[in-house]
Protein backbone atom coordinates (compact mmCIF):
# COMPACT_ATOMS: atom_id res chain seq x y z
CA UNK A 1 0.08 -0.32 0.20
CA UNK A 2 1.55 3.20 -0.95
CA UNK A 3 1.57 6.09 1.58
CA UNK A 4 1.34 9.74 1.93
CA UNK A 5 2.17 12.08 4.60
CA UNK A 6 0.99 15.88 4.79
CA UNK A 7 2.32 18.79 5.89
CA UNK A 8 0.47 22.31 6.48
CA UNK A 9 1.11 25.73 7.32
CA UNK A 10 -0.89 28.68 7.89
CA UNK A 11 -4.42 29.14 8.14
CA UNK A 12 -7.97 27.16 9.19
CA UNK A 13 -9.30 27.17 5.13
CA UNK A 14 -5.70 25.56 4.19
CA UNK A 15 -6.55 22.79 7.26
CA UNK A 16 -9.25 22.28 5.49
CA UNK A 17 -8.48 21.15 2.13
CA UNK A 18 -5.20 19.14 3.06
CA UNK A 19 -8.07 17.15 4.66
CA UNK A 20 -9.67 17.10 1.70
CA UNK A 21 -6.59 15.77 -0.48
CA UNK A 22 -5.94 13.61 2.62
CA UNK A 23 -9.14 12.12 2.12
CA UNK A 24 -8.64 11.67 -1.76
CA UNK A 25 -5.31 10.01 -1.64
CA UNK A 26 -7.80 7.31 1.25
CA UNK A 27 -10.26 6.68 -1.21
CA UNK A 28 -7.07 6.42 -3.87
CA UNK A 29 -5.97 3.55 -1.16
CA UNK A 30 -3.00 5.16 0.35
CA UNK A 31 -2.13 4.96 3.52
CA UNK A 32 -1.40 8.03 5.68
CA UNK A 33 1.35 8.19 7.99
CA UNK A 34 3.13 11.23 9.74
CA UNK A 35 4.99 13.82 8.37
CA UNK A 36 8.11 12.68 9.65
CA UNK A 37 8.28 9.18 8.95
CA UNK A 38 9.67 8.20 5.62
CA UNK A 39 6.64 8.45 2.63
CA UNK A 40 5.97 7.56 -0.72
CA UNK A 41 4.16 10.75 -1.46
CA UNK A 42 5.20 14.28 0.71
CA UNK A 43 2.39 16.86 0.35
CA UNK A 44 3.18 20.58 1.33
CA UNK A 45 0.12 22.75 1.66
CA UNK A 46 1.84 25.97 1.68
CA UNK A 47 1.43 29.63 3.14
CA UNK A 48 2.56 32.31 1.28
CA UNK A 49 0.56 35.18 3.78
CA UNK A 50 4.24 36.72 5.23
CA UNK A 51 7.91 36.26 4.32
CA UNK A 52 7.49 33.65 7.11
CA UNK A 53 5.35 31.27 5.70
CA UNK A 54 7.62 31.31 2.37
CA UNK A 55 10.21 29.97 4.10
CA UNK A 56 8.47 27.53 6.08
CA UNK A 57 6.72 26.05 3.71
CA UNK A 58 9.75 25.19 2.15
CA UNK A 59 11.62 24.11 4.77
CA UNK A 60 8.83 21.46 4.84
CA UNK A 61 9.78 20.76 0.69
CA UNK A 62 13.56 19.94 1.80
CA UNK A 63 12.31 18.13 5.46
CA UNK A 64 10.18 16.26 3.17
CA UNK A 65 13.28 15.74 0.58
CA UNK A 66 15.54 14.51 3.46
CA UNK A 67 13.27 12.31 4.50
CA UNK A 68 13.03 10.28 1.78
CA UNK A 69 14.99 11.73 -1.68
CA UNK A 70 13.50 8.98 -3.77
CA UNK A 71 10.12 9.89 -2.58
CA UNK A 72 7.64 12.32 -4.84
CA UNK A 73 6.47 15.97 -3.48
CA UNK A 74 3.53 17.77 -3.90
CA UNK A 75 3.57 21.49 -3.81
CA UNK A 76 0.38 23.20 -2.76
CA UNK A 77 -1.95 26.02 -1.83
CA UNK A 78 -1.07 29.82 -1.81
CA UNK A 79 2.95 29.86 -2.75
CA UNK A 80 2.78 27.68 -5.08
CA UNK A 81 -0.45 29.54 -6.74
CA UNK A 82 1.86 32.52 -6.05
CA UNK A 83 5.41 31.01 -7.52
CA UNK A 84 3.72 28.07 -9.66
CA UNK A 85 6.42 27.29 -12.57
CA UNK A 86 9.53 28.96 -10.45
CA UNK A 87 8.93 25.89 -7.72
CA UNK A 88 9.85 23.24 -10.62
CA UNK A 89 13.55 23.97 -9.48
CA UNK A 90 12.50 21.75 -6.63
CA UNK A 91 11.85 18.66 -7.96
CA UNK A 92 8.64 18.71 -7.00
CA UNK A 93 6.61 16.34 -9.26
CA UNK A 94 2.66 18.28 -9.07
CA UNK A 95 2.96 21.70 -8.27
CA UNK A 96 -1.13 22.70 -7.42
CA UNK A 97 -2.43 26.12 -6.77
CA UNK A 98 -5.81 26.88 -4.93
CA UNK A 99 -7.86 24.79 -7.26
CA UNK A 100 -7.90 21.10 -8.64
CA UNK A 101 -7.35 19.82 -5.63
CA UNK A 102 -10.31 17.76 -5.82
CA UNK A 103 -7.77 15.94 -8.37
CA UNK A 104 -4.66 15.47 -6.98
CA UNK A 105 -4.72 12.23 -6.42
CA UNK A 106 -4.97 11.73 -10.12
CA UNK A 107 -2.62 14.97 -11.49
CA UNK A 108 0.34 13.32 -9.20
CA UNK A 109 -0.81 9.57 -10.84
CA UNK A 110 -0.65 11.37 -14.51
CA UNK A 111 3.06 12.94 -13.58
CA UNK A 112 4.18 9.12 -11.79
CA UNK A 113 2.88 8.20 -14.99
CA UNK A 114 4.79 10.37 -18.04
CA UNK A 115 7.75 10.51 -15.38
CA UNK A 116 7.55 14.65 -15.94
CA UNK A 117 6.67 17.37 -13.56
CA UNK A 118 3.38 19.27 -13.59
CA UNK A 119 2.06 22.60 -12.80
CA UNK A 120 -1.55 22.45 -12.13
CA UNK A 121 -2.03 26.20 -11.46
CA UNK A 122 -4.81 28.29 -13.06
CA UNK A 123 -6.83 31.52 -13.34
CA UNK A 124 -8.81 31.91 -10.21
CA UNK A 125 -10.84 35.09 -11.09
CA UNK A 126 -13.61 33.37 -13.07
CA UNK A 127 -13.80 30.15 -11.22
CA UNK A 128 -16.54 28.16 -9.05
CA UNK A 129 -16.28 26.74 -5.09
CA UNK A 130 -14.26 24.00 -5.88
CA UNK A 131 -16.33 21.61 -4.57
CA UNK A 132 -14.45 19.66 -1.73
CA UNK A 133 -15.74 17.65 1.17
CA UNK A 134 -14.54 16.38 4.44
CA UNK A 135 -16.12 13.64 6.61
CA UNK A 136 -13.36 13.81 8.93
CA UNK A 137 -10.82 16.18 11.10
CA UNK A 138 -7.80 15.34 12.00
CA UNK A 139 -8.65 15.20 16.17
CA UNK A 140 -11.74 13.82 17.27
CA UNK A 141 -14.39 16.57 18.47
CA UNK A 142 -13.99 19.85 16.21
CA UNK A 143 -14.14 20.13 12.67
CA UNK A 144 -12.81 22.45 9.75
CA UNK A 145 -15.29 23.76 7.04
CA UNK A 146 -14.70 25.67 4.94
CA UNK A 147 -17.50 27.98 3.22
CA UNK A 148 -16.26 30.80 1.06
CA UNK A 149 -13.58 31.32 -0.81
CA UNK A 150 -11.57 33.87 -2.31
CA UNK A 151 -11.55 37.63 -1.48
CA UNK A 152 -11.81 40.72 -3.83
CA UNK A 153 -10.82 43.58 -0.71
CA UNK A 154 -7.26 44.02 -2.18
CA UNK A 155 -6.14 45.38 1.34
CA UNK A 156 -2.68 46.91 -0.13
CA UNK A 157 -0.17 44.36 2.16
CA UNK A 158 -2.21 41.75 1.80
CA UNK A 159 -1.31 39.30 -0.91
CA UNK A 160 -4.58 36.48 -0.81
CA UNK A 161 -6.76 37.66 -3.54
CA UNK A 162 -4.22 37.80 -6.29
CA UNK A 163 -3.30 33.38 -4.99
CA UNK A 164 -6.87 32.44 -3.45
CA UNK A 165 -9.31 34.99 -6.78
CA UNK A 166 -12.49 36.14 -6.12
CA UNK A 167 -15.54 35.74 -3.63
CA UNK A 168 -16.69 31.73 -4.56
CA UNK A 169 -19.71 30.93 -2.04
CA UNK A 170 -20.57 26.88 -0.54
CA UNK A 171 -24.30 26.30 -1.32
CA UNK A 172 -26.35 26.15 1.50
CA UNK A 173 -27.76 22.79 0.46
CA UNK A 174 -23.72 21.52 0.19
CA UNK A 175 -23.30 23.01 3.58
CA UNK A 176 -26.21 21.39 5.64
CA UNK A 177 -25.58 18.73 4.37
CA UNK A 178 -21.15 18.38 5.17
CA UNK A 179 -22.90 19.35 8.78
CA UNK A 180 -25.19 16.30 9.11
CA UNK A 181 -22.11 13.97 8.19
CA UNK A 182 -19.64 15.37 10.68
CA UNK A 183 -22.14 16.11 13.32
CA UNK A 184 -22.97 11.89 12.36
CA UNK A 185 -19.29 11.18 12.68
CA UNK A 186 -19.78 12.46 16.33
CA UNK A 187 -17.74 15.76 15.80
CA UNK A 188 -19.57 18.22 18.55
CA UNK A 189 -18.10 21.04 17.16
CA UNK A 190 -17.69 22.66 13.85
CA UNK A 191 -15.92 25.84 12.64
CA UNK A 192 -17.08 27.65 10.13
CA UNK A 193 -13.71 29.48 8.08
CA UNK A 194 -13.33 31.02 4.82
CA UNK A 195 -10.84 33.22 3.13
CA UNK A 196 -13.16 36.63 3.59
CA UNK A 197 -16.35 35.15 5.63
CA UNK A 198 -17.84 37.97 5.74
CA UNK A 199 -18.30 37.89 2.08
CA UNK A 200 -20.06 34.53 2.51
CA UNK A 201 -22.89 35.47 -0.19
CA UNK A 202 -21.78 38.45 -1.67
CA UNK A 203 -21.93 36.24 -5.19
CA UNK A 204 -25.05 33.91 -4.45
CA UNK A 205 -27.11 37.71 -5.89
CA UNK A 206 -27.55 38.54 -2.39
CA UNK A 207 -30.14 36.75 -1.20
CA UNK A 208 -27.89 34.55 1.45
CA UNK A 209 -25.75 35.67 4.12
CA UNK A 210 -23.31 34.11 6.93
CA UNK A 211 -26.31 33.96 8.89
CA UNK A 212 -28.02 31.96 6.90
CA UNK A 213 -24.64 29.90 6.61
CA UNK A 214 -24.54 29.34 10.20
CA UNK A 215 -28.26 28.02 10.23
CA UNK A 216 -27.64 25.76 7.82
CA UNK A 217 -25.25 24.73 10.32
CA UNK A 218 -26.96 24.82 13.24
CA UNK A 219 -29.76 22.58 11.61
CA UNK A 220 -27.61 19.54 11.54
CA UNK A 221 -27.86 19.44 15.57
CA UNK A 222 -23.94 19.94 16.29
CA UNK A 223 -23.44 20.97 19.55
CA UNK A 224 -21.23 23.62 18.82
CA UNK A 225 -20.42 26.40 15.64
CA UNK A 226 -18.22 28.68 15.68
CA UNK A 227 -17.60 30.89 13.19
CA UNK A 228 -13.53 32.32 11.79
CA UNK A 229 -12.34 35.52 10.72
CA UNK A 230 -14.77 38.52 10.40
CA UNK A 231 -14.35 42.16 10.00
CA UNK A 232 -16.29 44.10 11.75
CA UNK A 233 -18.74 45.12 9.28
CA UNK A 234 -21.29 42.50 9.55
CA UNK A 235 -21.64 43.04 13.37
CA UNK A 236 -24.69 44.76 12.49
CA UNK A 237 -27.72 45.12 14.76
CA UNK A 238 -29.33 42.83 11.84
CA UNK A 239 -26.42 40.10 11.80
CA UNK A 240 -26.36 39.83 15.88
CA UNK A 241 -29.95 40.02 16.42
CA UNK A 242 -29.91 36.60 13.99
CA UNK A 243 -27.06 34.94 15.42
CA UNK A 244 -27.82 35.45 18.63
CA UNK A 245 -30.91 33.19 18.04
CA UNK A 246 -28.55 30.03 17.64
CA UNK A 247 -27.58 28.34 20.65
CA UNK A 248 -25.02 26.10 19.43
CA UNK A 249 -22.98 29.27 18.35
CA UNK A 250 -20.10 30.01 20.62
CA UNK A 251 -19.59 33.44 21.53
CA UNK A 252 -16.38 34.38 20.55
CA UNK A 253 -15.54 36.69 17.47
CA UNK A 254 -12.52 37.35 15.62
CA UNK A 255 -12.75 40.60 14.18
CA UNK A 256 -9.72 41.21 12.23
CA UNK A 257 -8.35 45.11 13.30
CA UNK A 258 -5.05 45.35 11.75
CA UNK A 259 -4.32 48.49 13.38
CA UNK A 260 -6.06 51.26 15.80
CA UNK A 261 -4.94 54.59 13.74
CA UNK A 262 -7.37 55.51 11.39
CA UNK A 263 -4.67 56.80 9.35
CA UNK A 264 -3.11 53.47 9.20
CA UNK A 265 -6.66 52.13 8.32
CA UNK A 266 -6.96 53.98 5.33
CA UNK A 267 -3.59 53.47 3.42
CA UNK A 268 -4.00 50.10 4.36
CA UNK A 269 -7.54 50.35 2.25
CA UNK A 270 -9.61 48.77 5.08
CA UNK A 271 -12.98 49.76 5.32
CA UNK A 272 -13.68 50.70 8.72
CA UNK A 273 -12.13 53.29 11.37
CA UNK A 274 -11.22 52.76 14.53
CA UNK A 275 -15.01 53.94 15.47
CA UNK A 276 -17.03 51.99 13.78
CA UNK A 277 -14.41 48.88 15.08
CA UNK A 278 -15.14 49.57 19.18
CA UNK A 279 -19.27 50.19 17.92
CA UNK A 280 -18.89 46.69 16.13
CA UNK A 281 -17.25 45.07 19.73
CA UNK A 282 -19.49 47.27 21.88
CA UNK A 283 -23.02 45.58 20.41
CA UNK A 284 -21.49 42.39 20.20
CA UNK A 285 -20.24 42.56 23.94
CA UNK A 286 -23.87 43.86 24.69
CA UNK A 287 -25.64 40.42 22.97
CA UNK A 288 -23.53 38.44 24.15
CA UNK A 289 -22.40 39.44 27.64
CA UNK A 290 -19.19 37.80 28.88
CA UNK A 291 -18.24 36.87 25.53
CA UNK A 292 -14.81 37.00 23.68
CA UNK A 293 -13.82 39.08 20.59
CA UNK A 294 -9.93 38.45 19.67
CA UNK A 295 -8.13 39.81 16.63
CA UNK A 296 -4.99 40.34 14.62
CA UNK A 297 -2.91 43.48 14.62
CA UNK A 298 0.15 44.60 11.96
CA UNK A 299 2.78 46.83 12.94
CA UNK A 300 5.10 48.85 11.80
CA UNK A 301 3.05 48.97 9.17
CA UNK A 302 4.34 52.21 6.21
CA UNK A 303 4.65 55.09 7.56
CA UNK A 304 3.38 53.96 10.99
CA UNK A 305 4.18 56.75 13.74
CA UNK A 306 4.41 56.58 17.19
CA UNK A 307 1.92 57.86 17.97
CA UNK A 308 -0.31 55.60 15.44
CA UNK A 309 1.30 52.28 17.13
CA UNK A 310 0.07 54.24 20.46
CA UNK A 311 -3.36 54.36 19.00
CA UNK A 312 -3.02 50.65 18.52
CA UNK A 313 -1.97 49.82 22.02
CA UNK A 314 -4.96 51.88 23.30
CA UNK A 315 -7.40 50.19 21.75
CA UNK A 316 -6.27 46.90 22.75
CA UNK A 317 -6.71 48.39 26.13
CA UNK A 318 -10.04 49.82 25.35
CA UNK A 319 -11.60 47.17 23.66
CA UNK A 320 -10.38 44.17 26.17
CA UNK A 321 -9.77 41.39 23.63
CA UNK A 322 -9.36 37.90 24.34
CA UNK A 323 -6.67 37.33 22.67
CA UNK A 324 -4.84 38.94 20.04
CA UNK A 325 -2.37 37.27 16.90
CA UNK A 326 0.25 39.65 16.67
CA UNK A 327 2.40 40.56 13.72
CA UNK A 328 4.78 42.62 11.98
CA UNK A 329 4.56 43.99 8.81
CA UNK A 330 5.94 42.05 5.70
CA UNK A 331 5.96 43.13 2.35
CA UNK A 332 4.69 40.97 -0.15
CA UNK A 333 5.50 42.13 -3.32
CA UNK A 334 2.69 42.50 -5.88
CA UNK A 335 1.41 44.39 -3.35
CA UNK A 336 0.89 48.35 -2.97
CA UNK A 337 2.31 48.43 0.38
CA UNK A 338 5.68 47.09 -0.74
CA UNK A 339 6.37 50.16 -2.81
CA UNK A 340 4.43 52.73 -0.17
CA UNK A 341 7.36 55.40 1.15
CA UNK A 342 8.28 55.59 5.09
CA UNK A 343 8.75 51.36 4.83
CA UNK A 344 10.33 50.92 8.48
CA UNK A 345 13.39 49.10 9.95
CA UNK A 346 12.53 45.72 10.50
CA UNK A 347 14.01 46.52 14.27
CA UNK A 348 11.47 48.84 14.60
CA UNK A 349 8.60 46.08 13.69
CA UNK A 350 9.51 43.10 15.50
CA UNK A 351 10.31 45.74 18.69
CA UNK A 352 6.23 46.99 18.07
CA UNK A 353 5.01 43.37 17.80
CA UNK A 354 6.98 42.41 21.31
CA UNK A 355 5.80 45.83 22.75
CA UNK A 356 1.74 45.19 21.91
CA UNK A 357 2.71 41.06 22.60
CA UNK A 358 2.83 42.68 26.81
CA UNK A 359 -0.16 44.75 26.53
CA UNK A 360 -2.11 41.86 24.31
CA UNK A 361 -1.42 39.66 27.35
CA UNK A 362 -2.41 42.09 29.96
CA UNK A 363 -5.68 42.67 28.35
CA UNK A 364 -5.87 38.59 28.17
CA UNK A 365 -5.37 38.31 31.88
CA UNK A 366 -8.51 41.45 32.99
CA UNK A 367 -10.26 39.15 29.84
CA UNK A 368 -9.72 36.12 32.42
CA UNK A 369 -10.48 37.64 35.59
CA UNK A 370 -13.68 38.52 34.57
CA UNK A 371 -14.05 34.15 33.65
CA UNK A 372 -12.43 32.97 36.23
CA UNK A 373 -14.68 31.39 39.31
CA UNK A 374 -17.53 30.50 36.76
CA UNK A 375 -19.41 27.46 35.32
CA UNK A 376 -18.32 26.54 31.65
CA UNK A 377 -19.20 23.60 29.03
CA UNK A 378 -15.67 22.52 27.68
CA UNK A 379 -14.86 20.38 24.91
CA UNK A 380 -12.20 18.02 25.91
CA UNK A 381 -9.94 16.90 22.98
CA UNK A 382 -6.16 15.20 24.34
CA UNK A 383 -4.18 15.47 26.54
CA UNK A 384 -0.84 17.68 28.13
CA UNK A 385 1.05 16.62 30.89
CA UNK A 386 -1.11 14.83 32.50
CA UNK A 387 -4.01 17.02 32.18
CA UNK A 388 -7.01 17.16 29.58
CA UNK A 389 -7.01 20.37 27.64
CA UNK A 390 -10.23 21.68 26.26
CA UNK A 391 -12.02 24.86 25.54
CA UNK A 392 -14.84 27.21 26.77
CA UNK A 393 -17.37 28.17 24.53
CA UNK A 394 -15.04 31.37 24.22
CA UNK A 395 -12.03 29.02 23.39
CA UNK A 396 -10.47 29.75 26.38
CA UNK A 397 -7.80 27.15 26.79
CA UNK A 398 -9.07 24.99 30.31
CA UNK A 399 -6.70 22.15 31.98
CA UNK A 400 -8.72 19.53 33.89
CA UNK A 401 -8.54 16.37 35.47
CA UNK A 402 -11.38 14.10 35.53
CA UNK A 403 -12.41 13.69 32.29
CA UNK A 404 -11.73 12.13 29.21
CA UNK A 405 -11.29 13.53 25.15
CA UNK A 406 -14.49 13.79 23.54
CA UNK A 407 -16.62 14.81 26.67
CA UNK A 408 -18.48 18.28 27.09
CA UNK A 409 -18.12 18.76 31.11
CA UNK A 410 -18.75 21.53 32.97
CA UNK A 411 -15.63 22.97 34.59
CA UNK A 412 -15.16 25.86 37.18
CA UNK A 413 -12.53 27.77 35.93
CA UNK A 414 -10.24 28.01 39.06
CA UNK A 415 -7.14 29.73 37.84
CA UNK A 416 -5.58 31.72 34.75
CA UNK A 417 -1.56 30.96 34.73
CA UNK A 418 -1.44 33.18 31.90
CA UNK A 419 -1.77 30.37 29.27
CA UNK A 420 -4.88 28.38 30.20
CA UNK A 421 -7.85 27.83 33.01
CA UNK A 422 -6.70 25.54 35.49
CA UNK A 423 -10.55 24.11 36.36
CA UNK A 424 -12.26 21.58 38.31
CA UNK A 425 -14.49 19.43 36.55
CA UNK A 426 -18.32 19.65 38.25
CA UNK A 427 -20.93 16.60 37.77
CA UNK A 428 -23.27 17.56 40.96
CA UNK A 429 -25.65 18.83 38.12
CA UNK A 430 -24.61 22.52 38.91
CA UNK A 431 -25.91 25.00 36.48
CA UNK A 432 -23.75 25.83 33.56
CA UNK A 433 -24.02 29.94 33.35
CA UNK A 434 -25.42 31.14 30.37
CA UNK A 435 -24.63 33.99 27.66
CA UNK A 436 -27.43 36.65 27.98
CA UNK A 437 -30.61 35.85 26.86
CA UNK A 438 -29.98 32.49 25.18
CA UNK A 439 -29.84 29.01 25.91
CA UNK A 440 -26.54 28.21 25.23
CA UNK A 441 -27.22 23.65 25.53
CA UNK A 442 -23.50 23.03 25.80
CA UNK A 443 -22.43 25.79 23.68
């Protein structure tokens, strides 16, 4: 039986794409082995959102070649879409971009028979949503569901619209069917994700939106639904009113900020202001008391002054994010920001990132204090140092004993360690706190 190994870089969308390709190989009779082991085929699903993503992707290709020099290598994903023919120099048998992934086995085996390299990278500007599907996931409790592909925002720093193409939304009936399959397979949480999730439905004639997609997934009876990254513009009163009536929805909202300075936001071509972001976060917190608001922020964008950076730090404190991801600005060739004046030195970008990470840690600790003492449903996932790690609906990590992976158990959040809560499993019928007006039933 031939063997195949996978390495995934980057976002949750890539995780979904990897799982879909993995199942294609399994259906064709391949046995999946860890990436660290010798395999007949290695698939590297790449990321190119930053220079770090490029480097990690190519390092994974080199590791595969060292592990088995005779193996065939498949380079997939965003870096493959961007560089295509240039990656032939790696010796990869197949280079496959942001489409044709459902045909990965057929393309690979054709290349093998013909003893040649194949570049399956085509136009992604006017193509439909690729009909990938998964019936399982790497874990045993939470599964990622891709419901949207592509982006047409063209933020000045971002390469993604160039390598993922335009907006494509998954049909509601397909969302419902995959959610039912995954729920029937025992998954208790579904994460709905996309390249620009906020745009879901815009290409479907304006008759369908993200709230419809959430309702379709919830109709499967799954216990939890979690949303991927969102733009603050989606957090209107009408949208919030619809989703707050979906019992399975987890009260954790990742709103991509990128900067707390209006001047920087304009240069980034983000389509909101600092005040509009703040109002969106406030609406969510009012509708979902105790919810977690998380974000991404870039430091050192071209022309960012000390005052601009200070505004980002101040907004992190004001909103009280439960968690922030900080990225020093990384110039991407071909994007408008790469040729902007006033490019900041790498040392400045990285120093500001370190400083903002510390601000974010304090904000996270402040948010954690609001959760301490609460009894929350925790979905237990895996073992860690003799304890079991799981997550609350707010996506707060919890370490607890007296539970097993796959269980959804009430846990009292006793103390925040800076990385996770220490918790006590409560099996005496204690009432799990609700989030405002909703009955969260294990969500």
